[in-house]
C-alpha atoms as a PDB file:
ATOM      1  CA  MET A   1     178.960 123.754  68.505  1.00  0.00           C
ATOM      2  CA  ASP A   2     179.742 127.453  68.610  1.00  0.00           C
ATOM      3  CA  ARG A   3     181.129 128.628  65.296  1.00  0.00           C
ATOM      4  CA  GLY A   4     182.140 132.102  66.434  1.00  0.00           C
ATOM      5  CA  GLU A   5     185.356 133.991  65.754  1.00  0.00           C
ATOM      6  CA  ASN A   6     187.329 132.145  68.438  1.00  0.00           C
ATOM      7  CA  SER A   7     186.446 128.669  67.196  1.00  0.00           C
ATOM      8  CA  ASN A   8     189.251 126.376  66.133  1.00  0.00           C
ATOM      9  CA  PRO A   9     188.919 125.653  62.370  1.00  0.00           C
ATOM     10  CA  ILE A  10     189.559 121.954  62.987  1.00  0.00           C
ATOM     11  CA  ASP A  11     186.706 121.848  65.512  1.00  0.00           C
ATOM     12  CA  ILE A  12     184.393 123.491  62.972  1.00  0.00           C
ATOM     13  CA  HIS A  13     185.300 120.960  60.278  1.00  0.00           C
ATOM     14  CA  LEU A  14     184.973 118.112  62.777  1.00  0.00           C
ATOM     15  CA  SER A  15     181.559 119.404  63.806  1.00  0.00           C
ATOM     16  CA  THR A  16     180.432 119.538  60.178  1.00  0.00           C
ATOM     17  CA  PHE A  17     181.695 115.989  59.611  1.00  0.00           C
ATOM     18  CA  VAL A  18     180.016 114.724  62.784  1.00  0.00           C
ATOM     19  CA  ASP A  19     176.733 116.346  61.732  1.00  0.00           C
ATOM     20  CA  GLY A  20     176.957 114.506  58.414  1.00  0.00           C
ATOM     21  CA  CYS A  21     177.733 111.206  60.128  1.00  0.00           C
ATOM     22  CA  ARG A  22     174.792 111.595  62.488  1.00  0.00           C
ATOM     23  CA  ARG A  23     172.517 111.710  59.470  1.00  0.00           C
ATOM     24  CA  SER A  24     173.983 108.504  58.089  1.00  0.00           C
ATOM     25  CA  LEU A  25     173.863 104.905  59.226  1.00  0.00           C
ATOM     26  CA  ILE A  26     177.591 104.990  60.051  1.00  0.00           C
ATOM     27  CA  TRP A  27     176.816 106.819  63.279  1.00  0.00           C
ATOM     28  CA  LYS A  28     174.185 104.382  64.534  1.00  0.00           C
ATOM     29  CA  ASP A  29     176.238 102.016  66.712  1.00  0.00           C
ATOM     30  CA  ASN A  30     179.745 103.449  66.616  1.00  0.00           C
ATOM     31  CA  ASN A  31     179.358 107.112  67.535  1.00  0.00           C
ATOM     32  CA  ALA A  32     181.862 107.276  70.423  1.00  0.00           C
ATOM     33  CA  GLU A  33     184.500 105.274  68.573  1.00  0.00           C
ATOM     34  CA  LEU A  34     183.961 107.201  65.342  1.00  0.00           C
ATOM     35  CA  LEU A  35     184.261 110.528  67.166  1.00  0.00           C
ATOM     36  CA  GLN A  36     187.480 109.373  68.879  1.00  0.00           C
ATOM     37  CA  CYS A  37     188.993 108.376  65.528  1.00  0.00           C
ATOM     38  CA  MET A  38     187.922 111.651  63.900  1.00  0.00           C
ATOM     39  CA  LYS A  39     189.481 113.703  66.707  1.00  0.00           C
ATOM     40  CA  PHE A  40     192.671 111.678  66.437  1.00  0.00           C
ATOM     41  CA  ALA A  41     192.708 112.126  62.650  1.00  0.00           C
ATOM     42  CA  CYS A  42     192.319 115.880  63.097  1.00  0.00           C
ATOM     43  CA  SER A  43     195.254 115.912  65.516  1.00  0.00           C
ATOM     44  CA  CYS A  44     197.378 114.313  62.774  1.00  0.00           C
ATOM     45  CA  VAL A  45     196.974 117.370  60.540  1.00  0.00           C
ATOM     46  CA  LEU A  46     197.584 120.143  63.064  1.00  0.00           C
ATOM     47  CA  SER A  47     199.703 122.964  61.673  1.00  0.00           C
ATOM     48  CA  SER A  48     202.416 122.560  64.319  1.00  0.00           C
ATOM     49  CA  PRO A  49     204.337 119.286  63.888  1.00  0.00           C
ATOM     50  CA  LYS A  50     205.105 119.197  67.627  1.00  0.00           C
ATOM     51  CA  GLU A  51     201.359 119.000  68.380  1.00  0.00           C
ATOM     52  CA  ARG A  52     200.805 116.022  66.053  1.00  0.00           C
ATOM     53  CA  PRO A  53     200.966 112.443  67.339  1.00  0.00           C
ATOM     54  CA  THR A  54     203.994 110.390  66.392  1.00  0.00           C
ATOM     55  CA  VAL A  55     203.703 107.564  63.882  1.00  0.00           C
ATOM     56  CA  PHE A  56     204.080 105.144  66.777  1.00  0.00           C
ATOM     57  CA  GLU A  57     201.187 106.793  68.655  1.00  0.00           C
ATOM     58  CA  VAL A  58     199.030 106.486  65.525  1.00  0.00           C
ATOM     59  CA  TYR A  59     200.042 102.838  65.232  1.00  0.00           C
ATOM     60  CA  GLN A  60     199.163 102.202  68.884  1.00  0.00           C
ATOM     61  CA  LEU A  61     195.697 103.732  68.509  1.00  0.00           C
ATOM     62  CA  LEU A  62     194.952 101.828  65.308  1.00  0.00           C
ATOM     63  CA  ARG A  63     196.216  98.613  66.853  1.00  0.00           C
ATOM     64  CA  ALA A  64     193.991  99.114  69.916  1.00  0.00           C
ATOM     65  CA  VAL A  65     190.961  99.697  67.696  1.00  0.00           C
ATOM     66  CA  GLY A  66     191.921  96.666  65.597  1.00  0.00           C
ATOM     67  CA  GLU A  67     192.183  94.445  68.665  1.00  0.00           C
ATOM     68  CA  LYS A  68     188.579  95.250  69.525  1.00  0.00           C
ATOM     69  CA  TYR A  69     187.578  93.774  66.168  1.00  0.00           C
ATOM     70  CA  HIS A  70     190.159  90.978  66.277  1.00  0.00           C
ATOM     71  CA  PHE A  71     192.240  92.506  63.470  1.00  0.00           C
ATOM     72  CA  SER A  72     195.502  92.206  65.404  1.00  0.00           C
ATOM     73  CA  ALA A  73     197.140  88.879  64.747  1.00  0.00           C
ATOM     74  CA  ALA A  74     200.599  87.512  64.121  1.00  0.00           C
ATOM     75  CA  ASP A  75     200.719  89.594  60.943  1.00  0.00           C
ATOM     76  CA  ASP A  76     200.571  92.976  62.704  1.00  0.00           C
ATOM     77  CA  GLU A  77     204.331  93.412  62.355  1.00  0.00           C
ATOM     78  CA  LEU A  78     205.351  96.669  60.706  1.00  0.00           C
ATOM     79  CA  THR A  79     207.583  96.194  57.704  1.00  0.00           C
ATOM     80  CA  MET A  80     210.055  99.015  57.843  1.00  0.00           C
ATOM     81  CA  GLN A  81     212.038  98.357  54.666  1.00  0.00           C
ATOM     82  CA  PRO A  82     211.292  96.723  51.333  1.00  0.00           C
ATOM     83  CA  GLN A  83     213.458  93.665  50.678  1.00  0.00           C
ATOM     84  CA  ASN A  84     215.721  95.495  48.214  1.00  0.00           C
ATOM     85  CA  ALA A  85     216.159  98.662  50.325  1.00  0.00           C
ATOM     86  CA  ASN A  86     219.418  99.648  51.950  1.00  0.00           C
ATOM     87  CA  PRO A  87     218.819  99.590  55.749  1.00  0.00           C
ATOM     88  CA  GLU A  88     221.429 102.322  56.164  1.00  0.00           C
ATOM     89  CA  ASP A  89     219.387 104.775  54.073  1.00  0.00           C
ATOM     90  CA  GLU A  90     217.732 107.456  56.140  1.00  0.00           C
ATOM     91  CA  LEU A  91     214.581 109.461  55.491  1.00  0.00           C
ATOM     92  CA  ILE A  92     215.056 113.118  56.362  1.00  0.00           C
ATOM     93  CA  VAL A  93     211.967 115.295  56.534  1.00  0.00           C
ATOM     94  CA  ALA A  94     212.378 119.056  56.592  1.00  0.00           C
ATOM     95  CA  ASN A  95     209.713 121.455  57.794  1.00  0.00           C
END
């Protein structure tokens, strides 16, 4: 991967991580899937919030990966509130 002046810093870090994985046993049978997950993880930390995937998009990707390994079952329901929480409370995130 070109690491010149115009390279995206996330791509450089991803390349370094991929190089490390290639030297390990992790990479052996799962390289395409591992690379897809790493790219998706990098998109979750982009500096612009509008470029990041939504929580639901992250959930969908993880669920799809889980289905491949039979991790999705009747217990894949997302619990949104603890039992003692007020459902009318709202989380407000400021940027």
